[in-house]
C-alpha atoms as a PDB file:
ATOM      1  CA  UNK A   1      -4.427 110.264 -62.157  1.00  0.00           C
ATOM      2  CA  UNK A   2      -4.644 109.047 -65.575  1.00  0.00           C
ATOM      3  CA  UNK A   3      -6.549 106.368 -66.948  1.00  0.00           C
ATOM      4  CA  UNK A   4      -3.627 104.127 -67.249  1.00  0.00           C
ATOM      5  CA  UNK A   5      -3.500 104.252 -63.155  1.00  0.00           C
ATOM      6  CA  UNK A   6      -7.248 102.962 -62.880  1.00  0.00           C
ATOM      7  CA  UNK A   7      -7.310  99.581 -62.524  1.00  0.00           C
ATOM      8  CA  UNK A   8     -10.341  96.768 -62.323  1.00  0.00           C
ATOM      9  CA  UNK A   9     -10.223  95.532 -58.973  1.00  0.00           C
ATOM     10  CA  UNK A  10     -11.367  91.749 -59.731  1.00  0.00           C
ATOM     11  CA  UNK A  11      -8.478  91.326 -62.778  1.00  0.00           C
ATOM     12  CA  UNK A  12      -5.666  88.713 -61.476  1.00  0.00           C
ATOM     13  CA  UNK A  13      -2.355  89.916 -61.836  1.00  0.00           C
ATOM     14  CA  UNK A  14      -1.959  88.502 -65.867  1.00  0.00           C
ATOM     15  CA  UNK A  15      -5.034  90.568 -66.860  1.00  0.00           C
ATOM     16  CA  UNK A  16      -4.366  93.606 -64.747  1.00  0.00           C
ATOM     17  CA  UNK A  17      -0.896  94.154 -66.640  1.00  0.00           C
ATOM     18  CA  UNK A  18      -2.513  93.288 -70.036  1.00  0.00           C
ATOM     19  CA  UNK A  19      -5.290  95.767 -69.245  1.00  0.00           C
ATOM     20  CA  UNK A  20      -2.653  98.819 -68.279  1.00  0.00           C
ATOM     21  CA  UNK A  21      -0.958  98.013 -71.771  1.00  0.00           C
ATOM     22  CA  UNK A  22      -4.206  98.274 -73.715  1.00  0.00           C
ATOM     23  CA  UNK A  23      -5.381 101.351 -71.752  1.00  0.00           C
ATOM     24  CA  UNK A  24      -1.999 103.029 -72.227  1.00  0.00           C
ATOM     25  CA  UNK A  25      -2.466 102.346 -75.994  1.00  0.00           C
ATOM     26  CA  UNK A  26      -5.812 104.036 -76.527  1.00  0.00           C
ATOM     27  CA  UNK A  27      -4.383 106.836 -74.280  1.00  0.00           C
ATOM     28  CA  UNK A  28      -1.643 107.541 -76.467  1.00  0.00           C
ATOM     29  CA  UNK A  29      -3.679 107.159 -79.772  1.00  0.00           C
ATOM     30  CA  UNK A  30      -6.840 108.611 -78.646  1.00  0.00           C
ATOM     31  CA  UNK A  31      -6.094 110.930 -75.672  1.00  0.00           C
ATOM     32  CA  UNK A  32      -7.176 110.073 -72.112  1.00  0.00           C
ATOM     33  CA  UNK A  33     -10.521 111.481 -72.166  1.00  0.00           C
ATOM     34  CA  UNK A  34     -11.631 109.820 -75.753  1.00  0.00           C
ATOM     35  CA  UNK A  35     -10.198 107.008 -74.785  1.00  0.00           C
ATOM     36  CA  UNK A  36     -11.913 106.512 -71.760  1.00  0.00           C
ATOM     37  CA  UNK A  37     -15.322 107.296 -73.379  1.00  0.00           C
ATOM     38  CA  UNK A  38     -15.128 104.887 -76.193  1.00  0.00           C
ATOM     39  CA  UNK A  39     -13.979 102.097 -73.273  1.00  0.00           C
ATOM     40  CA  UNK A  40     -17.239 103.129 -71.469  1.00  0.00           C
ATOM     41  CA  UNK A  41     -19.404 102.906 -74.349  1.00  0.00           C
ATOM     42  CA  UNK A  42     -17.962  99.837 -75.453  1.00  0.00           C
ATOM     43  CA  UNK A  43     -18.844  98.208 -72.287  1.00  0.00           C
ATOM     44  CA  UNK A  44     -22.242  99.435 -72.091  1.00  0.00           C
ATOM     45  CA  UNK A  45     -23.021  98.051 -75.684  1.00  0.00           C
ATOM     46  CA  UNK A  46     -21.647  94.742 -74.332  1.00  0.00           C
ATOM     47  CA  UNK A  47     -23.933  95.174 -71.182  1.00  0.00           C
ATOM     48  CA  UNK A  48     -26.878  96.217 -73.234  1.00  0.00           C
ATOM     49  CA  UNK A  49     -26.894  93.097 -75.707  1.00  0.00           C
ATOM     50  CA  UNK A  50     -26.394  90.732 -72.908  1.00  0.00           C
ATOM     51  CA  UNK A  51     -29.367  92.058 -70.671  1.00  0.00           C
ATOM     52  CA  UNK A  52     -31.449  92.311 -74.331  1.00  0.00           C
ATOM     53  CA  UNK A  53     -30.510  89.513 -76.303  1.00  0.00           C
ATOM     54  CA  UNK A  54     -29.765  86.339 -73.769  1.00  0.00           C
ATOM     55  CA  UNK A  55     -32.713  84.922 -71.868  1.00  0.00           C
ATOM     56  CA  UNK A  56     -30.000  85.106 -69.105  1.00  0.00           C
ATOM     57  CA  UNK A  57     -29.301  88.535 -69.439  1.00  0.00           C
ATOM     58  CA  UNK A  58     -33.101  89.417 -69.320  1.00  0.00           C
ATOM     59  CA  UNK A  59     -34.189  87.166 -66.288  1.00  0.00           C
ATOM     60  CA  UNK A  60     -31.154  88.819 -63.997  1.00  0.00           C
ATOM     61  CA  UNK A  61     -32.238  92.446 -65.220  1.00  0.00           C
ATOM     62  CA  UNK A  62     -35.831  91.726 -64.473  1.00  0.00           C
ATOM     63  CA  UNK A  63     -34.774  90.224 -61.141  1.00  0.00           C
ATOM     64  CA  UNK A  64     -33.011  93.523 -59.875  1.00  0.00           C
ATOM     65  CA  UNK A  65     -35.568  95.545 -60.997  1.00  0.00           C
ATOM     66  CA  UNK A  66     -37.757  94.891 -58.113  1.00  0.00           C
ATOM     67  CA  UNK A  67     -35.174  96.482 -56.197  1.00  0.00           C
ATOM     68  CA  UNK A  68     -35.629  99.773 -57.555  1.00  0.00           C
ATOM     69  CA  UNK A  69     -36.574 102.409 -54.789  1.00  0.00           C
ATOM     70  CA  UNK A  70     -37.996  99.395 -52.491  1.00  0.00           C
ATOM     71  CA  UNK A  71     -36.243 101.336 -49.548  1.00  0.00           C
ATOM     72  CA  UNK A  72     -37.236 104.829 -50.454  1.00  0.00           C
ATOM     73  CA  UNK A  73     -36.492 107.557 -48.030  1.00  0.00           C
ATOM     74  CA  UNK A  74     -34.713 104.727 -45.167  1.00  0.00           C
ATOM     75  CA  UNK A  75     -31.476 104.230 -43.744  1.00  0.00           C
ATOM     76  CA  UNK A  76     -28.870 101.463 -44.379  1.00  0.00           C
ATOM     77  CA  UNK A  77     -25.852 100.480 -42.670  1.00  0.00           C
ATOM     78  CA  UNK A  78     -23.050  99.032 -45.054  1.00  0.00           C
ATOM     79  CA  UNK A  79     -20.771  96.927 -42.720  1.00  0.00           C
ATOM     80  CA  UNK A  80     -16.928  96.786 -44.137  1.00  0.00           C
ATOM     81  CA  UNK A  81     -14.934  94.029 -42.611  1.00  0.00           C
ATOM     82  CA  UNK A  82     -12.084  96.107 -40.860  1.00  0.00           C
ATOM     83  CA  UNK A  83     -10.574  95.611 -37.242  1.00  0.00           C
ATOM     84  CA  UNK A  84     -12.548  98.293 -35.953  1.00  0.00           C
ATOM     85  CA  UNK A  85     -15.751  96.235 -35.943  1.00  0.00           C
ATOM     86  CA  UNK A  86     -14.552  94.472 -32.848  1.00  0.00           C
ATOM     87  CA  UNK A  87     -14.396  98.151 -31.350  1.00  0.00           C
ATOM     88  CA  UNK A  88     -18.059  99.207 -32.746  1.00  0.00           C
ATOM     89  CA  UNK A  89     -21.153  99.083 -30.815  1.00  0.00           C
ATOM     90  CA  UNK A  90     -22.874  96.091 -33.435  1.00  0.00           C
ATOM     91  CA  UNK A  91     -25.973  95.094 -31.357  1.00  0.00           C
ATOM     92  CA  UNK A  92     -27.412  98.633 -32.260  1.00  0.00           C
ATOM     93  CA  UNK A  93     -27.891  97.460 -35.795  1.00  0.00           C
ATOM     94  CA  UNK A  94     -30.296  94.486 -35.161  1.00  0.00           C
ATOM     95  CA  UNK A  95     -33.310  96.451 -36.337  1.00  0.00           C
ATOM     96  CA  UNK A  96     -31.483  98.164 -39.190  1.00  0.00           C
ATOM     97  CA  UNK A  97     -31.375  97.360 -42.612  1.00  0.00           C
ATOM     98  CA  UNK A  98     -28.071  96.262 -43.550  1.00  0.00           C
ATOM     99  CA  UNK A  99     -25.167  95.241 -46.170  1.00  0.00           C
ATOM    100  CA  UNK A 100     -22.766  92.856 -45.338  1.00  0.00           C
ATOM    101  CA  UNK A 101     -19.815  92.247 -47.396  1.00  0.00           C
ATOM    102  CA  UNK A 102     -17.594  89.387 -48.419  1.00  0.00           C
ATOM    103  CA  UNK A 103     -16.912  87.330 -45.237  1.00  0.00           C
ATOM    104  CA  UNK A 104     -18.785  89.141 -42.487  1.00  0.00           C
ATOM    105  CA  UNK A 105     -20.954  86.100 -42.460  1.00  0.00           C
ATOM    106  CA  UNK A 106     -18.260  84.913 -40.043  1.00  0.00           C
ATOM    107  CA  UNK A 107     -19.782  87.404 -37.325  1.00  0.00           C
ATOM    108  CA  UNK A 108     -23.292  86.542 -37.724  1.00  0.00           C
ATOM    109  CA  UNK A 109     -23.232  83.906 -34.864  1.00  0.00           C
ATOM    110  CA  UNK A 110     -21.983  86.670 -32.359  1.00  0.00           C
ATOM    111  CA  UNK A 111     -24.461  89.227 -33.616  1.00  0.00           C
ATOM    112  CA  UNK A 112     -27.279  87.049 -33.286  1.00  0.00           C
ATOM    113  CA  UNK A 113     -28.486  88.156 -36.710  1.00  0.00           C
ATOM    114  CA  UNK A 114     -27.801  88.268 -40.127  1.00  0.00           C
ATOM    115  CA  UNK A 115     -27.747  91.218 -42.524  1.00  0.00           C
ATOM    116  CA  UNK A 116     -30.665  92.189 -44.476  1.00  0.00           C
ATOM    117  CA  UNK A 117     -28.577  92.086 -47.876  1.00  0.00           C
ATOM    118  CA  UNK A 118     -25.272  90.509 -48.637  1.00  0.00           C
ATOM    119  CA  UNK A 119     -22.316  91.694 -51.296  1.00  0.00           C
ATOM    120  CA  UNK A 120     -19.330  90.015 -52.682  1.00  0.00           C
ATOM    121  CA  UNK A 121     -17.482  90.617 -56.302  1.00  0.00           C
ATOM    122  CA  UNK A 122     -13.981  89.259 -55.708  1.00  0.00           C
ATOM    123  CA  UNK A 123     -13.713  85.925 -57.391  1.00  0.00           C
ATOM    124  CA  UNK A 124     -11.102  84.713 -55.293  1.00  0.00           C
ATOM    125  CA  UNK A 125     -13.000  84.970 -52.247  1.00  0.00           C
ATOM    126  CA  UNK A 126     -16.110  83.817 -54.024  1.00  0.00           C
ATOM    127  CA  UNK A 127     -14.018  80.981 -55.297  1.00  0.00           C
ATOM    128  CA  UNK A 128     -12.622  79.853 -51.684  1.00  0.00           C
ATOM    129  CA  UNK A 129     -16.024  80.276 -49.789  1.00  0.00           C
ATOM    130  CA  UNK A 130     -18.752  79.093 -52.441  1.00  0.00           C
ATOM    131  CA  UNK A 131     -20.466  76.873 -49.900  1.00  0.00           C
ATOM    132  CA  UNK A 132     -20.559  79.876 -47.538  1.00  0.00           C
ATOM    133  CA  UNK A 133     -22.224  82.282 -49.945  1.00  0.00           C
ATOM    134  CA  UNK A 134     -24.692  79.504 -51.405  1.00  0.00           C
ATOM    135  CA  UNK A 135     -25.776  78.808 -47.747  1.00  0.00           C
ATOM    136  CA  UNK A 136     -26.435  82.311 -46.940  1.00  0.00           C
ATOM    137  CA  UNK A 137     -30.571  83.216 -46.272  1.00  0.00           C
ATOM    138  CA  UNK A 138     -29.933  86.948 -47.145  1.00  0.00           C
ATOM    139  CA  UNK A 139     -30.419  88.114 -50.876  1.00  0.00           C
ATOM    140  CA  UNK A 140     -27.008  87.911 -52.224  1.00  0.00           C
ATOM    141  CA  UNK A 141     -25.394  90.171 -54.826  1.00  0.00           C
ATOM    142  CA  UNK A 142     -22.645  89.489 -56.972  1.00  0.00           C
ATOM    143  CA  UNK A 143     -20.883  89.946 -60.456  1.00  0.00           C
ATOM    144  CA  UNK A 144     -21.958  88.211 -63.597  1.00  0.00           C
ATOM    145  CA  UNK A 145     -18.781  86.449 -63.988  1.00  0.00           C
ATOM    146  CA  UNK A 146     -19.302  84.863 -60.747  1.00  0.00           C
ATOM    147  CA  UNK A 147     -22.185  82.596 -62.096  1.00  0.00           C
ATOM    148  CA  UNK A 148     -19.443  80.044 -62.456  1.00  0.00           C
ATOM    149  CA  UNK A 149     -19.121  79.549 -58.761  1.00  0.00           C
ATOM    150  CA  UNK A 150     -22.523  80.268 -58.023  1.00  0.00           C
ATOM    151  CA  UNK A 151     -25.777  78.971 -59.206  1.00  0.00           C
ATOM    152  CA  UNK A 152     -28.505  81.062 -60.399  1.00  0.00           C
ATOM    153  CA  UNK A 153     -31.551  80.715 -58.408  1.00  0.00           C
ATOM    154  CA  UNK A 154     -32.501  81.439 -54.934  1.00  0.00           C
ATOM    155  CA  UNK A 155     -32.089  84.939 -53.806  1.00  0.00           C
ATOM    156  CA  UNK A 156     -28.646  85.396 -55.924  1.00  0.00           C
ATOM    157  CA  UNK A 157     -28.580  88.413 -58.121  1.00  0.00           C
ATOM    158  CA  UNK A 158     -26.084  88.910 -60.707  1.00  0.00           C
ATOM    159  CA  UNK A 159     -24.574  92.272 -61.673  1.00  0.00           C
ATOM    160  CA  UNK A 160     -22.863  93.210 -65.466  1.00  0.00           C
ATOM    161  CA  UNK A 161     -19.855  94.819 -65.125  1.00  0.00           C
ATOM    162  CA  UNK A 162     -19.505  98.691 -66.371  1.00  0.00           C
ATOM    163  CA  UNK A 163     -16.009 100.196 -67.427  1.00  0.00           C
ATOM    164  CA  UNK A 164     -15.675 103.412 -64.743  1.00  0.00           C
ATOM    165  CA  UNK A 165     -14.902 105.419 -63.190  1.00  0.00           C
ATOM    166  CA  UNK A 166     -18.381 105.915 -63.128  1.00  0.00           C
ATOM    167  CA  UNK A 167     -21.522 105.653 -60.412  1.00  0.00           C
ATOM    168  CA  UNK A 168     -24.234 103.805 -61.712  1.00  0.00           C
ATOM    169  CA  UNK A 169     -27.527 104.939 -60.267  1.00  0.00           C
ATOM    170  CA  UNK A 170     -29.194 101.830 -62.284  1.00  0.00           C
ATOM    171  CA  UNK A 171     -27.442  98.382 -61.062  1.00  0.00           C
ATOM    172  CA  UNK A 172     -30.226  96.547 -63.440  1.00  0.00           C
ATOM    173  CA  UNK A 173     -27.820  98.064 -66.305  1.00  0.00           C
ATOM    174  CA  UNK A 174     -24.569  97.225 -64.199  1.00  0.00           C
ATOM    175  CA  UNK A 175     -21.905  98.606 -62.093  1.00  0.00           C
ATOM    176  CA  UNK A 176     -18.311 100.028 -61.723  1.00  0.00           C
ATOM    177  CA  UNK A 177     -16.496  97.602 -59.100  1.00  0.00           C
ATOM    178  CA  UNK A 178     -14.794 100.883 -58.102  1.00  0.00           C
ATOM    179  CA  UNK A 179     -11.641  98.459 -56.732  1.00  0.00           C
ATOM    180  CA  UNK A 180     -14.104  97.652 -53.616  1.00  0.00           C
ATOM    181  CA  UNK A 181     -16.954  95.647 -52.887  1.00  0.00           C
ATOM    182  CA  UNK A 182     -17.869  98.640 -50.369  1.00  0.00           C
ATOM    183  CA  UNK A 183     -18.699 101.057 -53.560  1.00  0.00           C
ATOM    184  CA  UNK A 184     -20.726  97.980 -55.375  1.00  0.00           C
ATOM    185  CA  UNK A 185     -22.715  98.185 -51.936  1.00  0.00           C
ATOM    186  CA  UNK A 186     -23.415 101.987 -52.287  1.00  0.00           C
ATOM    187  CA  UNK A 187     -24.494 101.898 -55.869  1.00  0.00           C
ATOM    188  CA  UNK A 188     -27.075  99.358 -54.572  1.00  0.00           C
ATOM    189  CA  UNK A 189     -28.361 101.310 -51.564  1.00  0.00           C
ATOM    190  CA  UNK A 190     -28.790 103.939 -53.991  1.00  0.00           C
ATOM    191  CA  UNK A 191     -30.870 102.115 -56.402  1.00  0.00           C
ATOM    192  CA  UNK A 192     -32.858 100.917 -53.312  1.00  0.00           C
ATOM    193  CA  UNK A 193     -33.544 104.357 -52.651  1.00  0.00           C
ATOM    194  CA  UNK A 194     -31.900 104.738 -49.336  1.00  0.00           C
ATOM    195  CA  UNK A 195     -31.760 108.244 -48.391  1.00  0.00           C
ATOM    196  CA  UNK A 196     -28.699 107.940 -46.004  1.00  0.00           C
ATOM    197  CA  UNK A 197     -26.170 105.153 -45.750  1.00  0.00           C
ATOM    198  CA  UNK A 198     -23.876 104.615 -42.646  1.00  0.00           C
ATOM    199  CA  UNK A 199     -20.606 103.130 -42.998  1.00  0.00           C
ATOM    200  CA  UNK A 200     -18.570 101.245 -40.368  1.00  0.00           C
ATOM    201  CA  UNK A 201     -15.959  98.667 -40.342  1.00  0.00           C
ATOM    202  CA  UNK A 202     -14.693 100.581 -43.232  1.00  0.00           C
ATOM    203  CA  UNK A 203     -11.067 101.252 -41.958  1.00  0.00           C
ATOM    204  CA  UNK A 204      -9.518 102.208 -45.359  1.00  0.00           C
ATOM    205  CA  UNK A 205      -6.104 100.600 -43.821  1.00  0.00           C
ATOM    206  CA  UNK A 206      -4.227  97.772 -44.675  1.00  0.00           C
ATOM    207  CA  UNK A 207      -0.893  96.335 -42.375  1.00  0.00           C
ATOM    208  CA  UNK A 208      -0.342  94.300 -45.623  1.00  0.00           C
ATOM    209  CA  UNK A 209       1.259  96.594 -48.420  1.00  0.00           C
ATOM    210  CA  UNK A 210       2.076  96.358 -51.901  1.00  0.00           C
ATOM    211  CA  UNK A 211       1.239  96.402 -55.873  1.00  0.00           C
ATOM    212  CA  UNK A 212      -2.487  96.798 -55.787  1.00  0.00           C
ATOM    213  CA  UNK A 213      -4.413  94.117 -56.753  1.00  0.00           C
ATOM    214  CA  UNK A 214      -1.541  91.748 -56.564  1.00  0.00           C
ATOM    215  CA  UNK A 215      -2.516  87.899 -56.038  1.00  0.00           C
ATOM    216  CA  UNK A 216      -1.056  86.924 -52.388  1.00  0.00           C
ATOM    217  CA  UNK A 217      -1.554  84.303 -50.154  1.00  0.00           C
ATOM    218  CA  UNK A 218      -1.602  84.775 -46.258  1.00  0.00           C
ATOM    219  CA  UNK A 219       0.950  83.100 -44.277  1.00  0.00           C
ATOM    220  CA  UNK A 220      -0.605  83.234 -41.009  1.00  0.00           C
ATOM    221  CA  UNK A 221      -3.183  85.228 -39.004  1.00  0.00           C
ATOM    222  CA  UNK A 222      -5.248  87.928 -40.717  1.00  0.00           C
ATOM    223  CA  UNK A 223      -4.389  91.713 -39.156  1.00  0.00           C
ATOM    224  CA  UNK A 224      -6.500  93.322 -41.815  1.00  0.00           C
ATOM    225  CA  UNK A 225      -9.950  92.245 -40.567  1.00  0.00           C
ATOM    226  CA  UNK A 226     -12.013  91.940 -37.882  1.00  0.00           C
ATOM    227  CA  UNK A 227     -11.302  88.066 -37.511  1.00  0.00           C
ATOM    228  CA  UNK A 228      -7.714  86.623 -37.495  1.00  0.00           C
ATOM    229  CA  UNK A 229      -9.321  83.931 -39.840  1.00  0.00           C
ATOM    230  CA  UNK A 230     -10.951  85.966 -42.136  1.00  0.00           C
ATOM    231  CA  UNK A 231      -8.287  85.427 -44.751  1.00  0.00           C
ATOM    232  CA  UNK A 232      -6.409  82.911 -42.855  1.00  0.00           C
ATOM    233  CA  UNK A 233      -3.407  81.141 -43.694  1.00  0.00           C
ATOM    234  CA  UNK A 234      -3.237  79.742 -47.322  1.00  0.00           C
ATOM    235  CA  UNK A 235      -6.352  81.886 -48.405  1.00  0.00           C
ATOM    236  CA  UNK A 236      -5.275  83.589 -51.795  1.00  0.00           C
ATOM    237  CA  UNK A 237      -6.625  87.561 -51.763  1.00  0.00           C
ATOM    238  CA  UNK A 238      -5.512  90.509 -53.768  1.00  0.00           C
ATOM    239  CA  UNK A 239      -4.048  93.530 -52.178  1.00  0.00           C
ATOM    240  CA  UNK A 240      -6.005  96.691 -51.892  1.00  0.00           C
ATOM    241  CA  UNK A 241      -6.227  99.634 -54.270  1.00  0.00           C
ATOM    242  CA  UNK A 242      -7.167 102.403 -51.631  1.00  0.00           C
ATOM    243  CA  UNK A 243      -6.376 105.033 -54.452  1.00  0.00           C
ATOM    244  CA  UNK A 244      -8.944 104.006 -57.050  1.00  0.00           C
ATOM    245  CA  UNK A 245     -11.595 103.043 -54.107  1.00  0.00           C
ATOM    246  CA  UNK A 246     -11.166 106.790 -52.910  1.00  0.00           C
ATOM    247  CA  UNK A 247     -11.941 107.647 -56.532  1.00  0.00           C
ATOM    248  CA  UNK A 248     -15.144 105.894 -56.307  1.00  0.00           C
ATOM    249  CA  UNK A 249     -16.073 106.920 -52.851  1.00  0.00           C
ATOM    250  CA  UNK A 250     -15.868 110.333 -54.187  1.00  0.00           C
ATOM    251  CA  UNK A 251     -18.436 109.649 -56.886  1.00  0.00           C
ATOM    252  CA  UNK A 252     -20.487 107.985 -54.528  1.00  0.00           C
ATOM    253  CA  UNK A 253     -20.598 110.978 -52.256  1.00  0.00           C
ATOM    254  CA  UNK A 254     -21.231 113.308 -55.253  1.00  0.00           C
ATOM    255  CA  UNK A 255     -23.971 110.890 -56.355  1.00  0.00           C
ATOM    256  CA  UNK A 256     -26.116 110.488 -53.236  1.00  0.00           C
ATOM    257  CA  UNK A 257     -25.846 114.428 -52.451  1.00  0.00           C
ATOM    258  CA  UNK A 258     -26.819 115.497 -55.974  1.00  0.00           C
ATOM    259  CA  UNK A 259     -30.140 113.885 -55.127  1.00  0.00           C
ATOM    260  CA  UNK A 260     -30.346 115.377 -51.553  1.00  0.00           C
ATOM    261  CA  UNK A 261     -29.201 111.842 -50.064  1.00  0.00           C
ATOM    262  CA  UNK A 262     -25.995 111.353 -48.049  1.00  0.00           C
ATOM    263  CA  UNK A 263     -23.368 108.941 -46.616  1.00  0.00           C
ATOM    264  CA  UNK A 264     -21.748 109.444 -43.363  1.00  0.00           C
ATOM    265  CA  UNK A 265     -18.713 107.615 -41.962  1.00  0.00           C
ATOM    266  CA  UNK A 266     -19.214 106.134 -38.431  1.00  0.00           C
ATOM    267  CA  UNK A 267     -16.315 103.780 -38.662  1.00  0.00           C
ATOM    268  CA  UNK A 268     -14.515 103.862 -35.247  1.00  0.00           C
ATOM    269  CA  UNK A 269     -10.854 105.145 -35.974  1.00  0.00           C
ATOM    270  CA  UNK A 270     -11.170 105.063 -39.860  1.00  0.00           C
ATOM    271  CA  UNK A 271      -8.530 106.541 -42.109  1.00  0.00           C
ATOM    272  CA  UNK A 272     -11.101 107.299 -45.200  1.00  0.00           C
ATOM    273  CA  UNK A 273     -11.681 110.980 -44.896  1.00  0.00           C
ATOM    274  CA  UNK A 274     -14.153 111.158 -48.197  1.00  0.00           C
ATOM    275  CA  UNK A 275     -17.414 111.372 -45.845  1.00  0.00           C
ATOM    276  CA  UNK A 276     -18.438 113.536 -42.779  1.00  0.00           C
ATOM    277  CA  UNK A 277     -17.528 111.706 -39.653  1.00  0.00           C
ATOM    278  CA  UNK A 278     -20.487 110.562 -37.173  1.00  0.00           C
ATOM    279  CA  UNK A 279     -21.005 108.743 -33.833  1.00  0.00           C
ATOM    280  CA  UNK A 280     -22.963 105.678 -34.420  1.00  0.00           C
ATOM    281  CA  UNK A 281     -25.047 105.569 -31.488  1.00  0.00           C
ATOM    282  CA  UNK A 282     -25.600 108.981 -31.932  1.00  0.00           C
ATOM    283  CA  UNK A 283     -26.430 108.548 -35.398  1.00  0.00           C
ATOM    284  CA  UNK A 284     -28.885 105.813 -34.665  1.00  0.00           C
ATOM    285  CA  UNK A 285     -30.849 107.648 -32.318  1.00  0.00           C
ATOM    286  CA  UNK A 286     -31.110 110.975 -34.099  1.00  0.00           C
END
């Protein structure tokens, strides 16, 4: 895959097309490797400037720093939102450290507990569900542009966005979104020191097809997630980019392995083939 194919999951359609044109132009003039290095370097400088030279950036960076290695050597579960959650023994998670993603809170009443942490990055999801995210009791991690919807304060933490592909082991300096909120959760889990990450509900399979990142509006019940009302009728959302997310997942697997840590996949019937497959009940009883 060349650089022109790597798209930012949070760009809307117009911005994505403009970004593609700029990337193709940079690759043509500089070559793929050099263009990618320059793009990454440029985003790093912007993030460093915001973190060091602005009060908001300094406060945010210090707040995130408090989570570094807080869970060294422990296990966590990253919970996706696929239909497979309805076939997953969720009661097993009650006493585990968990990351909820996007609108997983729709399941909290059924679960009888909320997740330890919550992560959302897509601006369309945040914009349409602002009140829900503001009401969460768990620490909420999102990206800096979502400050326009989610007020500072409380237990809301804002991550700077970096150009990728890359895996960020230090989220206080930023993250690459990797076309999926699951990847952001993986970077957070690494930063927090978790030794093992178990995935569930990461089906990596969507009924809805079309151009990656295209903004669409649901016309009826949602067949792509655990609840038909998840992205129900009238909800605006972006079509998935499974190819880019696989690139991100492989980077995460490599980063964890290099530090003698691991990510395993306990999704029931999931289509993702990047991580070792495990049975959830067996894994949690190990």
